């Protein structure tokens, strides 16, 4: 399950974080949109999340780990047990999935977002420029009939006119 080229660095991570060279259990995590190898491991009877970041040139775990630390420090992300940007390995507390009622969400989510938005912006991407490029690619690819594509572009331009990009109004949020 663990790639052969990562076994030694994971063993080192476990040794550093928990004083052990292996885990009691491991389960591949298949939910979510992460392209990292993601596992639920159990060490000394406690579950943790082990992530092995991509090894391609697009992966930038140092920045991602910086954001993870910021979230953990204000209590909105799992406690970090191990991070190594060179090896692209992270181990955090495992958060069990559970649902809660909407009336509880109405109390929890605004507080959580307020804490997240109070952090310095994670990075200052102009998402409008990124999105503009994606829209142009979509337009060129001709995935949909011209009439539908025209309507989508018109709606996209309307949204941009209502919510213009303002670099002075950026806040930290997921995937920015």
C-alpha atoms as a PDB file:
ATOM      1  CA  UNK A   1       0.000   0.000   0.000  1.00  0.00           C
ATOM      2  CA  UNK A   2       2.827   2.419   0.868  1.00  0.00           C
ATOM      3  CA  UNK A   3       5.050   3.077  -2.174  1.00  0.00           C
ATOM      4  CA  UNK A   4       8.393   1.357  -1.830  1.00  0.00           C
ATOM      5  CA  UNK A   5      10.305   4.636  -2.256  1.00  0.00           C
ATOM      6  CA  UNK A   6       8.443   6.153   0.734  1.00  0.00           C
ATOM      7  CA  UNK A   7       8.720   3.301   3.243  1.00  0.00           C
ATOM      8  CA  UNK A   8      11.951   4.540   4.833  1.00  0.00           C
ATOM      9  CA  UNK A   9      10.817   8.154   5.170  1.00  0.00           C
ATOM     10  CA  UNK A  10       7.519   7.041   6.689  1.00  0.00           C
ATOM     11  CA  UNK A  11       9.373   4.812   9.129  1.00  0.00           C
ATOM     12  CA  UNK A  12      11.524   7.828  10.071  1.00  0.00           C
ATOM     13  CA  UNK A  13       8.400   9.978  10.463  1.00  0.00           C
ATOM     14  CA  UNK A  14       6.779   7.428  12.768  1.00  0.00           C
ATOM     15  CA  UNK A  15       9.978   7.151  14.782  1.00  0.00           C
ATOM     16  CA  UNK A  16      10.201  10.918  15.116  1.00  0.00           C
ATOM     17  CA  UNK A  17       6.533  11.454  15.949  1.00  0.00           C
ATOM     18  CA  UNK A  18       5.768   8.435  18.126  1.00  0.00           C
ATOM     19  CA  UNK A  19       9.001   6.580  18.877  1.00  0.00           C
ATOM     20  CA  UNK A  20       7.921   3.563  16.801  1.00  0.00           C
ATOM     21  CA  UNK A  21       9.009   2.283  13.415  1.00  0.00           C
ATOM     22  CA  UNK A  22       5.619   1.064  12.237  1.00  0.00           C
ATOM     23  CA  UNK A  23       1.872   1.405  12.595  1.00  0.00           C
ATOM     24  CA  UNK A  24      -0.659  -1.037  14.026  1.00  0.00           C
ATOM     25  CA  UNK A  25      -3.152  -0.586  11.174  1.00  0.00           C
ATOM     26  CA  UNK A  26      -3.368   1.203   7.861  1.00  0.00           C
ATOM     27  CA  UNK A  27      -6.347   1.979   5.630  1.00  0.00           C
ATOM     28  CA  UNK A  28      -6.319   3.775   2.288  1.00  0.00           C
ATOM     29  CA  UNK A  29      -8.520   6.885   2.421  1.00  0.00           C
ATOM     30  CA  UNK A  30     -10.440   7.241  -0.815  1.00  0.00           C
ATOM     31  CA  UNK A  31     -12.853  10.074   0.008  1.00  0.00           C
ATOM     32  CA  UNK A  32     -11.982  13.657  -0.753  1.00  0.00           C
ATOM     33  CA  UNK A  33     -10.272  15.372  -3.633  1.00  0.00           C
ATOM     34  CA  UNK A  34      -6.656  15.235  -2.491  1.00  0.00           C
ATOM     35  CA  UNK A  35      -4.249  13.806  -5.019  1.00  0.00           C
ATOM     36  CA  UNK A  36      -1.868  12.926  -2.187  1.00  0.00           C
ATOM     37  CA  UNK A  37      -1.644   9.335  -1.024  1.00  0.00           C
ATOM     38  CA  UNK A  38      -3.795   9.479   2.090  1.00  0.00           C
ATOM     39  CA  UNK A  39      -4.036   6.851   4.804  1.00  0.00           C
ATOM     40  CA  UNK A  40      -5.700   6.369   8.157  1.00  0.00           C
ATOM     41  CA  UNK A  41      -3.064   4.781  10.362  1.00  0.00           C
ATOM     42  CA  UNK A  42      -3.330   3.584  13.939  1.00  0.00           C
ATOM     43  CA  UNK A  43      -0.304   3.979  16.201  1.00  0.00           C
ATOM     44  CA  UNK A  44      -0.430   2.806  19.810  1.00  0.00           C
ATOM     45  CA  UNK A  45      -4.207   2.511  19.553  1.00  0.00           C
ATOM     46  CA  UNK A  46      -4.794   6.065  18.263  1.00  0.00           C
ATOM     47  CA  UNK A  47      -5.826   6.947  14.694  1.00  0.00           C
ATOM     48  CA  UNK A  48      -3.857   9.505  12.648  1.00  0.00           C
ATOM     49  CA  UNK A  49      -3.927  10.794   9.090  1.00  0.00           C
ATOM     50  CA  UNK A  50      -0.785  10.094   7.055  1.00  0.00           C
ATOM     51  CA  UNK A  51      -0.417  11.994   3.780  1.00  0.00           C
ATOM     52  CA  UNK A  52       2.280  11.523   1.171  1.00  0.00           C
ATOM     53  CA  UNK A  53       2.213  14.522  -1.169  1.00  0.00           C
ATOM     54  CA  UNK A  54       2.645  14.225  -4.916  1.00  0.00           C
ATOM     55  CA  UNK A  55       6.184  14.131  -6.165  1.00  0.00           C
ATOM     56  CA  UNK A  56       5.633  16.068  -9.369  1.00  0.00           C
ATOM     57  CA  UNK A  57       6.790  19.613 -10.010  1.00  0.00           C
ATOM     58  CA  UNK A  58       3.359  21.081  -9.157  1.00  0.00           C
ATOM     59  CA  UNK A  59       3.521  19.934  -5.559  1.00  0.00           C
ATOM     60  CA  UNK A  60       4.459  22.634  -3.056  1.00  0.00           C
ATOM     61  CA  UNK A  61       4.129  21.000   0.356  1.00  0.00           C
ATOM     62  CA  UNK A  62       6.244  23.626   2.154  1.00  0.00           C
ATOM     63  CA  UNK A  63       3.541  26.264   1.555  1.00  0.00           C
ATOM     64  CA  UNK A  64       0.736  23.812   2.248  1.00  0.00           C
ATOM     65  CA  UNK A  65       2.396  22.761   5.514  1.00  0.00           C
ATOM     66  CA  UNK A  66       2.759  26.408   6.499  1.00  0.00           C
ATOM     67  CA  UNK A  67      -1.004  26.814   6.071  1.00  0.00           C
ATOM     68  CA  UNK A  68      -1.671  23.597   8.005  1.00  0.00           C
ATOM     69  CA  UNK A  69       0.387  24.937  10.911  1.00  0.00           C
ATOM     70  CA  UNK A  70      -1.493  28.243  10.902  1.00  0.00           C
ATOM     71  CA  UNK A  71      -4.844  26.451  11.018  1.00  0.00           C
ATOM     72  CA  UNK A  72      -3.709  24.073  13.750  1.00  0.00           C
ATOM     73  CA  UNK A  73      -2.374  26.952  15.854  1.00  0.00           C
ATOM     74  CA  UNK A  74      -5.808  28.628  15.969  1.00  0.00           C
ATOM     75  CA  UNK A  75      -7.633  25.340  16.538  1.00  0.00           C
ATOM     76  CA  UNK A  76      -9.382  24.930  13.182  1.00  0.00           C
ATOM     77  CA  UNK A  77      -7.197  22.159  11.766  1.00  0.00           C
ATOM     78  CA  UNK A  78      -6.063  18.845  13.235  1.00  0.00           C
ATOM     79  CA  UNK A  79      -3.062  18.789  15.551  1.00  0.00           C
ATOM     80  CA  UNK A  80       0.124  18.203  13.602  1.00  0.00           C
ATOM     81  CA  UNK A  81       2.271  15.292  14.718  1.00  0.00           C
ATOM     82  CA  UNK A  82       4.876  15.384  11.936  1.00  0.00           C
ATOM     83  CA  UNK A  83       5.674  17.493   8.879  1.00  0.00           C
ATOM     84  CA  UNK A  84       8.555  17.184   6.468  1.00  0.00           C
ATOM     85  CA  UNK A  85       8.362  19.202   3.263  1.00  0.00           C
ATOM     86  CA  UNK A  86      11.467  17.593   1.792  1.00  0.00           C
ATOM     87  CA  UNK A  87      10.032  14.079   2.155  1.00  0.00           C
ATOM     88  CA  UNK A  88       6.502  15.412   1.510  1.00  0.00           C
ATOM     89  CA  UNK A  89       5.070  13.584   4.522  1.00  0.00           C
ATOM     90  CA  UNK A  90       2.550  14.800   7.081  1.00  0.00           C
ATOM     91  CA  UNK A  91       0.936  13.092  10.032  1.00  0.00           C
ATOM     92  CA  UNK A  92      -1.957  14.785  11.826  1.00  0.00           C
ATOM     93  CA  UNK A  93      -4.646  13.765  14.243  1.00  0.00           C
ATOM     94  CA  UNK A  94      -7.414  11.876  12.486  1.00  0.00           C
ATOM     95  CA  UNK A  95     -10.819  13.538  12.555  1.00  0.00           C
ATOM     96  CA  UNK A  96     -13.648  11.026  12.479  1.00  0.00           C
ATOM     97  CA  UNK A  97     -16.451  11.889  10.070  1.00  0.00           C
ATOM     98  CA  UNK A  98     -19.678  12.812  11.782  1.00  0.00           C
ATOM     99  CA  UNK A  99     -22.722  14.814  10.868  1.00  0.00           C
ATOM    100  CA  UNK A 100     -24.371  17.409  13.040  1.00  0.00           C
ATOM    101  CA  UNK A 101     -27.696  19.206  12.815  1.00  0.00           C
ATOM    102  CA  UNK A 102     -28.111  22.417  10.823  1.00  0.00           C
ATOM    103  CA  UNK A 103     -28.873  24.446  13.945  1.00  0.00           C
ATOM    104  CA  UNK A 104     -25.472  23.448  15.327  1.00  0.00           C
ATOM    105  CA  UNK A 105     -23.803  24.217  11.961  1.00  0.00           C
ATOM    106  CA  UNK A 106     -25.259  27.730  12.059  1.00  0.00           C
ATOM    107  CA  UNK A 107     -23.330  28.337  15.273  1.00  0.00           C
ATOM    108  CA  UNK A 108     -20.104  26.462  14.491  1.00  0.00           C
ATOM    109  CA  UNK A 109     -19.434  27.406  10.851  1.00  0.00           C
ATOM    110  CA  UNK A 110     -19.451  31.221  11.224  1.00  0.00           C
ATOM    111  CA  UNK A 111     -17.035  30.988  14.171  1.00  0.00           C
ATOM    112  CA  UNK A 112     -14.782  28.628  12.240  1.00  0.00           C
ATOM    113  CA  UNK A 113     -14.793  30.862   9.140  1.00  0.00           C
ATOM    114  CA  UNK A 114     -14.080  33.923  11.266  1.00  0.00           C
ATOM    115  CA  UNK A 115     -10.982  32.223  12.691  1.00  0.00           C
ATOM    116  CA  UNK A 116      -9.894  31.098   9.223  1.00  0.00           C
ATOM    117  CA  UNK A 117     -10.397  34.536   7.695  1.00  0.00           C
ATOM    118  CA  UNK A 118      -8.477  36.171  10.546  1.00  0.00           C
ATOM    119  CA  UNK A 119      -5.287  34.379   9.444  1.00  0.00           C
ATOM    120  CA  UNK A 120      -2.951  36.149   7.017  1.00  0.00           C
ATOM    121  CA  UNK A 121      -3.950  35.227   3.435  1.00  0.00           C
ATOM    122  CA  UNK A 122      -2.367  31.916   2.521  1.00  0.00           C
ATOM    123  CA  UNK A 123      -1.201  33.175  -0.835  1.00  0.00           C
ATOM    124  CA  UNK A 124      -2.187  35.963  -3.106  1.00  0.00           C
ATOM    125  CA  UNK A 125      -3.341  34.273  -6.253  1.00  0.00           C
ATOM    126  CA  UNK A 126      -5.502  36.285  -8.547  1.00  0.00           C
ATOM    127  CA  UNK A 127      -8.169  33.628  -8.849  1.00  0.00           C
ATOM    128  CA  UNK A 128      -9.943  35.708 -11.481  1.00  0.00           C
ATOM    129  CA  UNK A 129      -6.902  35.417 -13.769  1.00  0.00           C
ATOM    130  CA  UNK A 130      -6.738  31.674 -13.135  1.00  0.00           C
ATOM    131  CA  UNK A 131     -10.456  31.327 -13.746  1.00  0.00           C
ATOM    132  CA  UNK A 132     -10.292  33.521 -16.866  1.00  0.00           C
ATOM    133  CA  UNK A 133      -7.698  31.142 -18.283  1.00  0.00           C
ATOM    134  CA  UNK A 134      -9.855  28.134 -17.470  1.00  0.00           C
ATOM    135  CA  UNK A 135     -12.888  29.764 -19.069  1.00  0.00           C
ATOM    136  CA  UNK A 136     -10.863  30.488 -22.223  1.00  0.00           C
ATOM    137  CA  UNK A 137      -9.752  26.858 -22.364  1.00  0.00           C
ATOM    138  CA  UNK A 138     -13.360  25.745 -21.909  1.00  0.00           C
ATOM    139  CA  UNK A 139     -14.478  28.068 -24.693  1.00  0.00           C
ATOM    140  CA  UNK A 140     -11.776  26.825 -27.065  1.00  0.00           C
ATOM    141  CA  UNK A 141     -12.451  23.158 -26.307  1.00  0.00           C
ATOM    142  CA  UNK A 142     -16.054  23.415 -27.529  1.00  0.00           C
ATOM    143  CA  UNK A 143     -17.430  21.008 -24.902  1.00  0.00           C
ATOM    144  CA  UNK A 144     -20.910  22.458 -25.158  1.00  0.00           C
ATOM    145  CA  UNK A 145     -23.032  23.909 -27.948  1.00  0.00           C
ATOM    146  CA  UNK A 146     -22.150  27.530 -28.810  1.00  0.00           C
ATOM    147  CA  UNK A 147     -25.461  28.849 -27.470  1.00  0.00           C
ATOM    148  CA  UNK A 148     -24.881  27.237 -24.060  1.00  0.00           C
ATOM    149  CA  UNK A 149     -21.228  28.295 -23.995  1.00  0.00           C
ATOM    150  CA  UNK A 150     -22.263  31.891 -24.774  1.00  0.00           C
ATOM    151  CA  UNK A 151     -24.750  31.835 -21.880  1.00  0.00           C
ATOM    152  CA  UNK A 152     -22.120  30.441 -19.513  1.00  0.00           C
ATOM    153  CA  UNK A 153     -19.636  33.144 -20.543  1.00  0.00           C
ATOM    154  CA  UNK A 154     -22.293  35.827 -20.119  1.00  0.00           C
ATOM    155  CA  UNK A 155     -23.078  34.552 -16.611  1.00  0.00           C
ATOM    156  CA  UNK A 156     -19.368  34.331 -15.764  1.00  0.00           C
ATOM    157  CA  UNK A 157     -18.858  37.948 -16.875  1.00  0.00           C
ATOM    158  CA  UNK A 158     -21.856  39.052 -14.801  1.00  0.00           C
ATOM    159  CA  UNK A 159     -20.396  37.390 -11.702  1.00  0.00           C
ATOM    160  CA  UNK A 160     -17.048  39.110 -12.369  1.00  0.00           C
ATOM    161  CA  UNK A 161     -18.768  42.489 -12.645  1.00  0.00           C
ATOM    162  CA  UNK A 162     -20.530  41.977  -9.305  1.00  0.00           C
ATOM    163  CA  UNK A 163     -17.547  40.464  -7.472  1.00  0.00           C
ATOM    164  CA  UNK A 164     -14.429  42.097  -8.945  1.00  0.00           C
ATOM    165  CA  UNK A 165     -11.002  40.938  -7.848  1.00  0.00           C
ATOM    166  CA  UNK A 166      -9.611  43.100  -5.045  1.00  0.00           C
ATOM    167  CA  UNK A 167      -6.135  42.091  -3.807  1.00  0.00           C
ATOM    168  CA  UNK A 168      -6.686  44.181  -0.661  1.00  0.00           C
ATOM    169  CA  UNK A 169      -9.722  42.136   0.304  1.00  0.00           C
ATOM    170  CA  UNK A 170      -8.221  38.651   0.349  1.00  0.00           C
ATOM    171  CA  UNK A 171      -8.672  36.267   3.263  1.00  0.00           C
ATOM    172  CA  UNK A 172      -7.416  32.774   3.900  1.00  0.00           C
ATOM    173  CA  UNK A 173      -9.757  30.036   2.823  1.00  0.00           C
ATOM    174  CA  UNK A 174      -9.692  26.481   1.551  1.00  0.00           C
ATOM    175  CA  UNK A 175      -7.868  26.028  -1.784  1.00  0.00           C
ATOM    176  CA  UNK A 176      -6.748  29.622  -2.255  1.00  0.00           C
END
